[in-house]
PDB file of N, CA and C in Angstrom:
ATOM      1  N   MET A   1      63.326  99.272 145.653  1.00  0.00           N
ATOM      2  CA  MET A   1      64.541  99.776 146.223  1.00  0.00           C
ATOM      3  C   MET A   1      65.393 100.066 145.204  1.00  0.00           C
ATOM      4  N   PRO A   2      66.030 101.470 145.047  1.00  0.00           N
ATOM      5  CA  PRO A   2      66.894 101.946 143.880  1.00  0.00           C
ATOM      6  C   PRO A   2      68.062 100.921 143.854  1.00  0.00           C
ATOM      7  N   LYS A   3      68.471 100.864 142.481  1.00  0.00           N
ATOM      8  CA  LYS A   3      69.866 100.096 142.379  1.00  0.00           C
ATOM      9  C   LYS A   3      70.982 100.900 142.950  1.00  0.00           C
ATOM     10  N   ARG A   4      71.861  99.990 143.576  1.00  0.00           N
ATOM     11  CA  ARG A   4      72.898 100.404 144.031  1.00  0.00           C
ATOM     12  C   ARG A   4      73.974 100.772 143.194  1.00  0.00           C
ATOM     13  N   ARG A   5      74.681 101.842 143.147  1.00  0.00           N
ATOM     14  CA  ARG A   5      75.551 102.344 142.135  1.00  0.00           C
ATOM     15  C   ARG A   5      77.008 101.985 142.872  1.00  0.00           C
ATOM     16  N   PRO A   6      77.985 101.463 141.842  1.00  0.00           N
ATOM     17  CA  PRO A   6      79.084 101.151 142.262  1.00  0.00           C
ATOM     18  C   PRO A   6      79.977 102.341 142.787  1.00  0.00           C
ATOM     19  N   ARG A   7      80.840 102.519 143.807  1.00  0.00           N
ATOM     20  CA  ARG A   7      81.600 103.554 144.034  1.00  0.00           C
ATOM     21  C   ARG A   7      82.675 103.811 142.820  1.00  0.00           C
ATOM     22  N   LEU A   8      82.457 104.361 142.065  1.00  0.00           N
ATOM     23  CA  LEU A   8      83.491 104.502 140.895  1.00  0.00           C
ATOM     24  C   LEU A   8      84.477 105.708 141.305  1.00  0.00           C
ATOM     25  N   ASP A   9      84.198 106.721 142.019  1.00  0.00           N
ATOM     26  CA  ASP A   9      85.145 107.885 141.932  1.00  0.00           C
ATOM     27  C   ASP A   9      86.517 107.482 142.815  1.00  0.00           C
ATOM     28  N   PRO A  10      86.741 106.357 143.615  1.00  0.00           N
ATOM     29  CA  PRO A  10      87.969 106.082 144.085  1.00  0.00           C
ATOM     30  C   PRO A  10      88.547 105.152 142.879  1.00  0.00           C
ATOM     31  N   VAL A  11      87.874 104.381 142.127  1.00  0.00           N
ATOM     32  CA  VAL A  11      88.349 103.659 141.080  1.00  0.00           C
ATOM     33  C   VAL A  11      89.061 104.650 140.138  1.00  0.00           C
ATOM     34  N   PHE A  12      88.178 105.590 139.748  1.00  0.00           N
ATOM     35  CA  PHE A  12      88.757 106.621 138.770  1.00  0.00           C
ATOM     36  C   PHE A  12      90.118 107.238 139.074  1.00  0.00           C
ATOM     37  N   ARG A  13      90.111 107.658 140.411  1.00  0.00           N
ATOM     38  CA  ARG A  13      91.123 108.356 141.102  1.00  0.00           C
ATOM     39  C   ARG A  13      92.405 107.267 141.000  1.00  0.00           C
ATOM     40  N   ALA A  14      92.213 106.029 141.317  1.00  0.00           N
ATOM     41  CA  ALA A  14      93.390 105.325 141.400  1.00  0.00           C
ATOM     42  C   ALA A  14      93.729 105.078 139.924  1.00  0.00           C
ATOM     43  N   LEU A  15      92.922 104.844 138.808  1.00  0.00           N
ATOM     44  CA  LEU A  15      93.264 104.869 137.476  1.00  0.00           C
ATOM     45  C   LEU A  15      93.873 106.077 136.860  1.00  0.00           C
ATOM     46  N   ALA A  16      93.923 107.193 137.406  1.00  0.00           N
ATOM     47  CA  ALA A  16      94.341 108.611 137.136  1.00  0.00           C
ATOM     48  C   ALA A  16      95.904 108.487 137.354  1.00  0.00           C
ATOM     49  N   ASP A  17      96.445 107.603 137.934  1.00  0.00           N
ATOM     50  CA  ASP A  17      98.047 107.549 138.490  1.00  0.00           C
ATOM     51  C   ASP A  17      98.894 106.750 137.452  1.00  0.00           C
ATOM     52  N   PRO A  18      99.686 106.998 136.569  1.00  0.00           N
ATOM     53  CA  PRO A  18     100.499 105.849 135.671  1.00  0.00           C
ATOM     54  C   PRO A  18     101.009 104.765 136.414  1.00  0.00           C
ATOM     55  N   THR A  19     101.599 105.159 137.582  1.00  0.00           N
ATOM     56  CA  THR A  19     102.336 104.053 138.504  1.00  0.00           C
ATOM     57  C   THR A  19     101.192 102.998 138.821  1.00  0.00           C
ATOM     58  N   ARG A  20     100.062 103.586 139.051  1.00  0.00           N
ATOM     59  CA  ARG A  20      99.088 102.315 139.594  1.00  0.00           C
ATOM     60  C   ARG A  20      98.505 101.798 138.242  1.00  0.00           C
ATOM     61  N   ARG A  21      98.286 102.447 137.155  1.00  0.00           N
ATOM     62  CA  ARG A  21      97.900 101.893 135.953  1.00  0.00           C
ATOM     63  C   ARG A  21      98.864 100.783 135.586  1.00  0.00           C
ATOM     64  N   ALA A  22     100.157 101.197 135.789  1.00  0.00           N
ATOM     65  CA  ALA A  22     101.195 100.212 135.340  1.00  0.00           C
ATOM     66  C   ALA A  22     101.072  98.725 136.274  1.00  0.00           C
ATOM     67  N   VAL A  23     100.993  99.159 137.671  1.00  0.00           N
ATOM     68  CA  VAL A  23     100.815  97.943 138.474  1.00  0.00           C
ATOM     69  C   VAL A  23      99.564  97.052 138.004  1.00  0.00           C
ATOM     70  N   LEU A  24      98.414  97.688 137.727  1.00  0.00           N
ATOM     71  CA  LEU A  24      97.413  96.879 137.308  1.00  0.00           C
ATOM     72  C   LEU A  24      97.666  96.034 136.147  1.00  0.00           C
ATOM     73  N   GLU A  25      98.354  96.882 135.093  1.00  0.00           N
ATOM     74  CA  GLU A  25      98.707  95.974 133.786  1.00  0.00           C
ATOM     75  C   GLU A  25      99.524  94.915 134.184  1.00  0.00           C
ATOM     76  N   ARG A  26     100.479  94.990 135.178  1.00  0.00           N
ATOM     77  CA  ARG A  26     101.469  93.945 135.573  1.00  0.00           C
ATOM     78  C   ARG A  26     100.635  92.815 136.097  1.00  0.00           C
ATOM     79  N   LEU A  27      99.555  93.163 136.983  1.00  0.00           N
ATOM     80  CA  LEU A  27      98.778  92.332 137.721  1.00  0.00           C
ATOM     81  C   LEU A  27      97.842  91.443 136.756  1.00  0.00           C
ATOM     82  N   ALA A  28      97.470  92.205 135.668  1.00  0.00           N
ATOM     83  CA  ALA A  28      96.535  91.560 134.672  1.00  0.00           C
ATOM     84  C   ALA A  28      97.330  90.215 134.329  1.00  0.00           C
ATOM     85  N   ARG A  29      98.324  90.193 134.350  1.00  0.00           N
ATOM     86  CA  ARG A  29      99.403  88.844 133.881  1.00  0.00           C
ATOM     87  C   ARG A  29      99.284  87.762 134.508  1.00  0.00           C
ATOM     88  N   SER A  30      99.613  88.276 135.910  1.00  0.00           N
ATOM     89  CA  SER A  30      99.461  87.180 137.192  1.00  0.00           C
ATOM     90  C   SER A  30      99.713  87.835 138.458  1.00  0.00           C
ATOM     91  N   PRO A  31      99.320  87.346 139.573  1.00  0.00           N
ATOM     92  CA  PRO A  31      99.637  87.926 141.024  1.00  0.00           C
ATOM     93  C   PRO A  31     101.024  88.119 140.979  1.00  0.00           C
ATOM     94  N   ALA A  32     101.550  89.024 141.924  1.00  0.00           N
ATOM     95  CA  ALA A  32     103.068  89.464 142.061  1.00  0.00           C
ATOM     96  C   ALA A  32     103.258  89.747 143.434  1.00  0.00           C
ATOM     97  N   THR A  33     104.424  89.617 143.607  1.00  0.00           N
ATOM     98  CA  THR A  33     104.766  90.149 145.213  1.00  0.00           C
ATOM     99  C   THR A  33     105.040  91.566 145.405  1.00  0.00           C
ATOM    100  N   VAL A  34     105.119  92.203 146.335  1.00  0.00           N
ATOM    101  CA  VAL A  34     105.359  93.581 146.624  1.00  0.00           C
ATOM    102  C   VAL A  34     106.962  93.735 146.039  1.00  0.00           C
ATOM    103  N   SER A  35     107.710  93.105 146.159  1.00  0.00           N
ATOM    104  CA  SER A  35     109.108  93.441 145.753  1.00  0.00           C
ATOM    105  C   SER A  35     109.083  93.318 144.247  1.00  0.00           C
ATOM    106  N   ASP A  36     108.488  92.426 143.776  1.00  0.00           N
ATOM    107  CA  ASP A  36     108.458  92.146 142.032  1.00  0.00           C
ATOM    108  C   ASP A  36     107.635  93.525 141.646  1.00  0.00           C
ATOM    109  N   LEU A  37     106.684  93.814 142.196  1.00  0.00           N
ATOM    110  CA  LEU A  37     106.006  95.078 141.741  1.00  0.00           C
ATOM    111  C   LEU A  37     106.724  96.478 141.745  1.00  0.00           C
ATOM    112  N   ALA A  38     107.584  96.458 142.829  1.00  0.00           N
ATOM    113  CA  ALA A  38     108.144  97.864 143.229  1.00  0.00           C
ATOM    114  C   ALA A  38     109.266  97.582 142.354  1.00  0.00           C
ATOM    115  N   ARG A  39     110.007  96.521 141.859  1.00  0.00           N
ATOM    116  CA  ARG A  39     111.430  96.484 141.235  1.00  0.00           C
ATOM    117  C   ARG A  39     111.108  97.346 139.873  1.00  0.00           C
ATOM    118  N   GLN A  40     110.026  97.574 139.452  1.00  0.00           N
ATOM    119  CA  GLN A  40     109.780  97.936 138.041  1.00  0.00           C
ATOM    120  C   GLN A  40     109.570  99.539 138.253  1.00  0.00           C
ATOM    121  N   HIS A  41     109.505 100.184 139.406  1.00  0.00           N
ATOM    122  CA  HIS A  41     109.337 101.493 139.552  1.00  0.00           C
ATOM    123  C   HIS A  41     110.216 102.223 140.352  1.00  0.00           C
ATOM    124  N   ASP A  42     111.026 103.455 139.915  1.00  0.00           N
ATOM    125  CA  ASP A  42     111.945 104.195 140.550  1.00  0.00           C
ATOM    126  C   ASP A  42     111.547 104.876 141.726  1.00  0.00           C
ATOM    127  N   MET A  43     111.153 104.324 142.819  1.00  0.00           N
ATOM    128  CA  MET A  43     110.832 105.084 143.921  1.00  0.00           C
ATOM    129  C   MET A  43     110.988 104.344 145.282  1.00  0.00           C
ATOM    130  N   ALA A  44     110.942 105.041 146.384  1.00  0.00           N
ATOM    131  CA  ALA A  44     111.135 104.572 147.407  1.00  0.00           C
ATOM    132  C   ALA A  44     110.067 103.515 148.011  1.00  0.00           C
ATOM    133  N   LEU A  45     110.369 102.314 148.600  1.00  0.00           N
ATOM    134  CA  LEU A  45     109.375 101.417 148.761  1.00  0.00           C
ATOM    135  C   LEU A  45     108.105 101.979 149.570  1.00  0.00           C
ATOM    136  N   PRO A  46     108.061 102.881 150.653  1.00  0.00           N
ATOM    137  CA  PRO A  46     107.114 103.366 151.224  1.00  0.00           C
ATOM    138  C   PRO A  46     106.338 104.263 150.194  1.00  0.00           C
ATOM    139  N   SER A  47     106.769 105.013 149.391  1.00  0.00           N
ATOM    140  CA  SER A  47     105.935 105.722 148.535  1.00  0.00           C
ATOM    141  C   SER A  47     105.286 104.584 147.634  1.00  0.00           C
ATOM    142  N   PHE A  48     105.841 103.565 147.106  1.00  0.00           N
ATOM    143  CA  PHE A  48     105.360 102.774 146.414  1.00  0.00           C
ATOM    144  C   PHE A  48     104.005 101.916 147.014  1.00  0.00           C
ATOM    145  N   LEU A  49     104.362 101.637 148.337  1.00  0.00           N
ATOM    146  CA  LEU A  49     103.400 101.013 149.215  1.00  0.00           C
ATOM    147  C   LEU A  49     101.900 101.642 149.076  1.00  0.00           C
ATOM    148  N   GLN A  50     102.104 103.029 149.038  1.00  0.00           N
ATOM    149  CA  GLN A  50     101.015 104.027 149.331  1.00  0.00           C
ATOM    150  C   GLN A  50     100.248 103.800 147.923  1.00  0.00           C
ATOM    151  N   HIS A  51     100.653 103.587 147.039  1.00  0.00           N
ATOM    152  CA  HIS A  51     100.127 103.252 145.680  1.00  0.00           C
ATOM    153  C   HIS A  51      99.381 101.956 145.760  1.00  0.00           C
ATOM    154  N   LEU A  52     100.054 101.032 146.274  1.00  0.00           N
ATOM    155  CA  LEU A  52      99.218  99.693 146.510  1.00  0.00           C
ATOM    156  C   LEU A  52      98.135  99.964 147.501  1.00  0.00           C
ATOM    157  N   GLN A  53      98.191 100.782 148.654  1.00  0.00           N
ATOM    158  CA  GLN A  53      97.070 100.969 149.625  1.00  0.00           C
ATOM    159  C   GLN A  53      95.919 101.503 148.639  1.00  0.00           C
ATOM    160  N   VAL A  54      96.215 102.636 147.827  1.00  0.00           N
ATOM    161  CA  VAL A  54      95.164 103.171 147.264  1.00  0.00           C
ATOM    162  C   VAL A  54      94.495 102.173 146.308  1.00  0.00           C
ATOM    163  N   LEU A  55      95.055 101.053 145.434  1.00  0.00           N
ATOM    164  CA  LEU A  55      94.471 100.181 144.738  1.00  0.00           C
ATOM    165  C   LEU A  55      93.674  99.353 145.585  1.00  0.00           C
ATOM    166  N   ASP A  56      94.336  98.925 146.795  1.00  0.00           N
ATOM    167  CA  ASP A  56      93.660  98.032 147.637  1.00  0.00           C
ATOM    168  C   ASP A  56      92.395  98.663 148.265  1.00  0.00           C
ATOM    169  N   ASP A  57      92.359 100.069 148.670  1.00  0.00           N
ATOM    170  CA  ASP A  57      91.257 100.708 149.167  1.00  0.00           C
ATOM    171  C   ASP A  57      90.019 100.778 148.224  1.00  0.00           C
ATOM    172  N   CYS A  58      90.257 100.772 147.058  1.00  0.00           N
ATOM    173  CA  CYS A  58      89.313 100.967 146.155  1.00  0.00           C
ATOM    174  C   CYS A  58      88.807  99.658 145.487  1.00  0.00           C
ATOM    175  N   GLY A  59      89.334  98.452 145.776  1.00  0.00           N
ATOM    176  CA  GLY A  59      89.158  97.141 145.680  1.00  0.00           C
ATOM    177  C   GLY A  59      89.513  96.744 144.241  1.00  0.00           C
ATOM    178  N   LEU A  60      90.438  97.412 143.671  1.00  0.00           N
ATOM    179  CA  LEU A  60      91.117  96.964 142.460  1.00  0.00           C
ATOM    180  C   LEU A  60      92.077  95.873 142.611  1.00  0.00           C
ATOM    181  N   VAL A  61      92.598  95.618 143.686  1.00  0.00           N
ATOM    182  CA  VAL A  61      93.744  94.700 144.103  1.00  0.00           C
ATOM    183  C   VAL A  61      93.374  94.064 145.312  1.00  0.00           C
ATOM    184  N   ARG A  62      93.776  92.711 145.590  1.00  0.00           N
ATOM    185  CA  ARG A  62      93.704  92.193 146.881  1.00  0.00           C
ATOM    186  C   ARG A  62      94.998  91.386 147.160  1.00  0.00           C
ATOM    187  N   SER A  63      95.268  91.546 148.575  1.00  0.00           N
ATOM    188  CA  SER A  63      96.534  91.059 148.896  1.00  0.00           C
ATOM    189  C   SER A  63      96.469  89.779 149.603  1.00  0.00           C
ATOM    190  N   ARG A  64      97.558  89.189 149.741  1.00  0.00           N
ATOM    191  CA  ARG A  64      97.455  87.860 150.589  1.00  0.00           C
ATOM    192  C   ARG A  64      98.731  87.760 151.232  1.00  0.00           C
ATOM    193  N   LYS A  65      98.989  87.334 152.516  1.00  0.00           N
ATOM    194  CA  LYS A  65     100.466  87.444 153.082  1.00  0.00           C
ATOM    195  C   LYS A  65     100.674  85.779 153.313  1.00  0.00           C
ATOM    196  N   ALA A  66     101.937  85.370 153.065  1.00  0.00           N
ATOM    197  CA  ALA A  66     102.307  84.127 153.378  1.00  0.00           C
ATOM    198  C   ALA A  66     103.716  84.367 154.051  1.00  0.00           C
ATOM    199  N   GLY A  67     103.791  84.064 155.371  1.00  0.00           N
ATOM    200  CA  GLY A  67     105.261  84.496 156.003  1.00  0.00           C
ATOM    201  C   GLY A  67     105.122  85.778 155.898  1.00  0.00           C
ATOM    202  N   ARG A  68     106.420  86.321 155.316  1.00  0.00           N
ATOM    203  CA  ARG A  68     106.905  87.549 155.436  1.00  0.00           C
ATOM    204  C   ARG A  68     106.571  88.238 153.851  1.00  0.00           C
ATOM    205  N   VAL A  69     106.170  87.398 153.018  1.00  0.00           N
ATOM    206  CA  VAL A  69     105.925  87.809 151.639  1.00  0.00           C
ATOM    207  C   VAL A  69     104.310  88.027 151.425  1.00  0.00           C
ATOM    208  N   ARG A  70     104.194  89.483 150.745  1.00  0.00           N
ATOM    209  CA  ARG A  70     102.851  89.689 150.528  1.00  0.00           C
ATOM    210  C   ARG A  70     102.650  89.673 149.104  1.00  0.00           C
ATOM    211  N   THR A  71     101.640  89.062 148.464  1.00  0.00           N
ATOM    212  CA  THR A  71     101.341  88.957 147.026  1.00  0.00           C
ATOM    213  C   THR A  71      99.984  89.719 146.829  1.00  0.00           C
ATOM    214  N   TYR A  72     100.174  90.422 145.583  1.00  0.00           N
ATOM    215  CA  TYR A  72      98.877  91.061 145.236  1.00  0.00           C
ATOM    216  C   TYR A  72      98.394  90.582 143.895  1.00  0.00           C
ATOM    217  N   ALA A  73      96.983  90.567 143.732  1.00  0.00           N
ATOM    218  CA  ALA A  73      96.326  89.965 142.802  1.00  0.00           C
ATOM    219  C   ALA A  73      95.313  91.010 142.270  1.00  0.00           C
ATOM    220  N   LEU A  74      95.256  91.237 140.807  1.00  0.00           N
ATOM    221  CA  LEU A  74      94.132  91.968 140.287  1.00  0.00           C
ATOM    222  C   LEU A  74      92.465  91.545 140.475  1.00  0.00           C
ATOM    223  N   VAL A  75      91.918  92.459 141.074  1.00  0.00           N
ATOM    224  CA  VAL A  75      90.214  92.039 141.156  1.00  0.00           C
ATOM    225  C   VAL A  75      89.307  93.011 139.833  1.00  0.00           C
ATOM    226  N   PRO A  76      89.228  92.246 138.840  1.00  0.00           N
ATOM    227  CA  PRO A  76      88.432  92.766 137.563  1.00  0.00           C
ATOM    228  C   PRO A  76      87.391  93.611 138.006  1.00  0.00           C
ATOM    229  N   ARG A  77      86.587  93.227 138.994  1.00  0.00           N
ATOM    230  CA  ARG A  77      85.133  93.785 139.121  1.00  0.00           C
ATOM    231  C   ARG A  77      84.998  95.094 139.017  1.00  0.00           C
ATOM    232  N   PRO A  78      85.711  96.010 139.645  1.00  0.00           N
ATOM    233  CA  PRO A  78      85.753  97.263 139.595  1.00  0.00           C
ATOM    234  C   PRO A  78      86.022  98.040 138.364  1.00  0.00           C
ATOM    235  N   LEU A  79      86.867  97.350 137.746  1.00  0.00           N
ATOM    236  CA  LEU A  79      87.308  97.788 136.290  1.00  0.00           C
ATOM    237  C   LEU A  79      86.105  97.553 135.468  1.00  0.00           C
ATOM    238  N   GLN A  80      85.450  96.493 135.601  1.00  0.00           N
ATOM    239  CA  GLN A  80      84.208  96.001 134.793  1.00  0.00           C
ATOM    240  C   GLN A  80      83.114  97.105 135.041  1.00  0.00           C
ATOM    241  N   GLN A  81      82.884  97.542 136.387  1.00  0.00           N
ATOM    242  CA  GLN A  81      81.644  98.456 136.737  1.00  0.00           C
ATOM    243  C   GLN A  81      82.273  99.846 136.079  1.00  0.00           C
ATOM    244  N   ALA A  82      83.226 100.317 136.021  1.00  0.00           N
ATOM    245  CA  ALA A  82      83.791 101.436 135.288  1.00  0.00           C
ATOM    246  C   ALA A  82      83.665 101.484 133.828  1.00  0.00           C
ATOM    247  N   GLU A  83      83.987 100.218 133.133  1.00  0.00           N
ATOM    248  CA  GLU A  83      83.663 100.116 131.996  1.00  0.00           C
ATOM    249  C   GLU A  83      82.278 100.162 131.483  1.00  0.00           C
ATOM    250  N   GLU A  84      81.526  99.623 132.361  1.00  0.00           N
ATOM    251  CA  GLU A  84      79.879  99.731 132.161  1.00  0.00           C
ATOM    252  C   GLU A  84      79.532 101.186 132.176  1.00  0.00           C
ATOM    253  N   TRP A  85      80.042 101.721 133.305  1.00  0.00           N
ATOM    254  CA  TRP A  85      79.469 103.230 133.256  1.00  0.00           C
ATOM    255  C   TRP A  85      79.907 103.844 132.050  1.00  0.00           C
ATOM    256  N   MET A  86      81.042 103.798 131.673  1.00  0.00           N
ATOM    257  CA  MET A  86      81.629 104.493 130.613  1.00  0.00           C
ATOM    258  C   MET A  86      80.840 104.234 129.233  1.00  0.00           C
ATOM    259  N   ALA A  87      80.780 102.911 129.189  1.00  0.00           N
ATOM    260  CA  ALA A  87      79.796 102.416 127.923  1.00  0.00           C
ATOM    261  C   ALA A  87      78.582 103.157 127.919  1.00  0.00           C
ATOM    262  N   GLY A  88      77.864 103.330 129.213  1.00  0.00           N
ATOM    263  CA  GLY A  88      76.456 104.080 129.192  1.00  0.00           C
ATOM    264  C   GLY A  88      76.832 105.451 128.635  1.00  0.00           C
ATOM    265  N   GLN A  89      77.738 106.007 129.089  1.00  0.00           N
ATOM    266  CA  GLN A  89      78.134 107.354 128.801  1.00  0.00           C
ATOM    267  C   GLN A  89      78.236 107.662 127.447  1.00  0.00           C
ATOM    268  N   ARG A  90      79.111 106.609 126.842  1.00  0.00           N
ATOM    269  CA  ARG A  90      79.236 106.759 125.303  1.00  0.00           C
ATOM    270  C   ARG A  90      77.842 106.745 124.530  1.00  0.00           C
ATOM    271  N   ALA A  91      77.080 105.626 124.944  1.00  0.00           N
ATOM    272  CA  ALA A  91      75.783 105.437 124.287  1.00  0.00           C
ATOM    273  C   ALA A  91      75.012 106.903 124.306  1.00  0.00           C
ATOM    274  N   LEU A  92      74.941 107.270 125.640  1.00  0.00           N
ATOM    275  CA  LEU A  92      74.264 108.602 125.803  1.00  0.00           C
ATOM    276  C   LEU A  92      74.730 109.490 124.738  1.00  0.00           C
ATOM    277  N   TRP A  93      75.886 109.746 124.817  1.00  0.00           N
ATOM    278  CA  TRP A  93      76.538 110.868 124.086  1.00  0.00           C
ATOM    279  C   TRP A  93      76.227 110.610 122.465  1.00  0.00           C
ATOM    280  N   GLU A  94      76.644 109.251 122.187  1.00  0.00           N
ATOM    281  CA  GLU A  94      76.503 109.059 120.881  1.00  0.00           C
ATOM    282  C   GLU A  94      74.769 109.285 120.162  1.00  0.00           C
ATOM    283  N   ARG A  95      73.732 108.820 120.949  1.00  0.00           N
ATOM    284  CA  ARG A  95      72.525 109.298 120.640  1.00  0.00           C
ATOM    285  C   ARG A  95      72.339 110.800 120.491  1.00  0.00           C
ATOM    286  N   ARG A  96      72.911 111.525 121.583  1.00  0.00           N
ATOM    287  CA  ARG A  96      72.787 112.983 121.817  1.00  0.00           C
ATOM    288  C   ARG A  96      73.408 113.619 120.552  1.00  0.00           C
ATOM    289  N   LEU A  97      74.549 113.216 119.771  1.00  0.00           N
ATOM    290  CA  LEU A  97      75.190 113.567 118.792  1.00  0.00           C
ATOM    291  C   LEU A  97      74.378 113.289 117.340  1.00  0.00           C
ATOM    292  N   ALA A  98      74.024 112.114 117.306  1.00  0.00           N
ATOM    293  CA  ALA A  98      73.070 111.682 116.538  1.00  0.00           C
ATOM    294  C   ALA A  98      71.679 112.462 116.160  1.00  0.00           C
ATOM    295  N   GLN A  99      71.298 112.953 117.364  1.00  0.00           N
ATOM    296  CA  GLN A  99      70.179 113.974 117.475  1.00  0.00           C
ATOM    297  C   GLN A  99      70.414 115.172 117.080  1.00  0.00           C
ATOM    298  N   LEU A 100      71.569 115.684 117.152  1.00  0.00           N
ATOM    299  CA  LEU A 100      72.177 117.005 117.031  1.00  0.00           C
ATOM    300  C   LEU A 100      72.418 116.903 115.264  1.00  0.00           C
ATOM    301  N   ASP A 101      72.885 115.907 115.033  1.00  0.00           N
ATOM    302  CA  ASP A 101      73.293 115.731 113.471  1.00  0.00           C
ATOM    303  C   ASP A 101      71.825 115.817 112.734  1.00  0.00           C
ATOM    304  N   ALA A 102      71.012 114.951 113.140  1.00  0.00           N
ATOM    305  CA  ALA A 102      69.859 115.109 112.537  1.00  0.00           C
ATOM    306  C   ALA A 102      68.851 116.216 112.400  1.00  0.00           C
ATOM    307  N   TYR A 103      69.082 117.061 113.357  1.00  0.00           N
ATOM    308  CA  TYR A 103      68.673 118.581 113.590  1.00  0.00           C
ATOM    309  C   TYR A 103      69.352 119.260 112.733  1.00  0.00           C
ATOM    310  N   LEU A 104      70.855 119.183 112.795  1.00  0.00           N
ATOM    311  CA  LEU A 104      71.459 120.313 111.599  1.00  0.00           C
ATOM    312  C   LEU A 104      71.148 119.748 110.078  1.00  0.00           C
ATOM    313  N   VAL A 105      70.939 118.541 109.973  1.00  0.00           N
ATOM    314  CA  VAL A 105      70.386 118.243 108.483  1.00  0.00           C
ATOM    315  C   VAL A 105      69.286 118.799 108.300  1.00  0.00           C
ATOM    316  N   ARG A 106      68.240 118.933 108.966  1.00  0.00           N
ATOM    317  CA  ARG A 106      66.862 119.372 108.861  1.00  0.00           C
ATOM    318  C   ARG A 106      66.987 120.808 108.705  1.00  0.00           C
ATOM    319  N   LEU A 107      67.674 121.177 109.629  1.00  0.00           N
ATOM    320  CA  LEU A 107      68.001 122.729 109.581  1.00  0.00           C
ATOM    321  C   LEU A 107      68.554 123.243 108.429  1.00  0.00           C
ATOM    322  N   HIS A 108      69.641 122.726 107.879  1.00  0.00           N
ATOM    323  CA  HIS A 108      70.234 123.002 106.645  1.00  0.00           C
ATOM    324  C   HIS A 108      69.498 122.526 105.430  1.00  0.00           C
ATOM    325  N   GLY A 109      68.555 121.855 105.622  1.00  0.00           N
ATOM    326  CA  GLY A 109      67.363 121.592 104.299  1.00  0.00           C
ATOM    327  C   GLY A 109      66.515 122.621 104.372  1.00  0.00           C
ATOM    328  N   LYS A 110      66.099 123.532 105.320  1.00  0.00           N
ATOM    329  CA  LYS A 110      65.148 124.257 105.347  1.00  0.00           C
ATOM    330  C   LYS A 110      65.770 125.797 105.217  1.00  0.00           C
ATOM    331  N   GLU A 111      66.806 125.740 104.952  1.00  0.00           N
ATOM    332  CA  GLU A 111      67.665 127.086 104.481  1.00  0.00           C
ATOM    333  C   GLU A 111      67.295 127.561 103.265  1.00  0.00           C
ATOM    334  N   PRO A 112      67.120 128.813 103.025  1.00  0.00           N
ATOM    335  CA  PRO A 112      66.857 129.402 101.739  1.00  0.00           C
ATOM    336  C   PRO A 112      68.119 129.209 100.778  1.00  0.00           C
ATOM    337  N   GLY A 113      67.504 128.775  99.597  1.00  0.00           N
ATOM    338  CA  GLY A 113      68.562 128.397  98.706  1.00  0.00           C
ATOM    339  C   GLY A 113      69.229 126.939  98.593  1.00  0.00           C
ATOM    340  N   SER A 114      68.603 126.167  99.487  1.00  0.00           N
ATOM    341  CA  SER A 114      69.021 124.804  99.478  1.00  0.00           C
ATOM    342  C   SER A 114      68.339 123.984  98.385  1.00  0.00           C
TER     343      SER A 114
END
């Protein structure tokens, strides 16, 4: 059975927005209520809640409601999966660039007058 690939597109879309990245940075310190998170951003609450929904939909945060207070916490696994994918891409391109460098060195060594 083929290995299941994580759904990275929604994670990268979520990370593309500076407001959502700021929320994740804040949640990396500790869980926070919606009002605590929203206080740091100059926007209407409904607009801010849309950002939280995007983060929730892609699994980067989870929320818990106690009475009328909703608290959000960071879920690091999707970030780890994105980092693993990027590390794989980095390794691939480093190998390719090393191969190109070796080829160019060989090519340069074969030029007349070298």
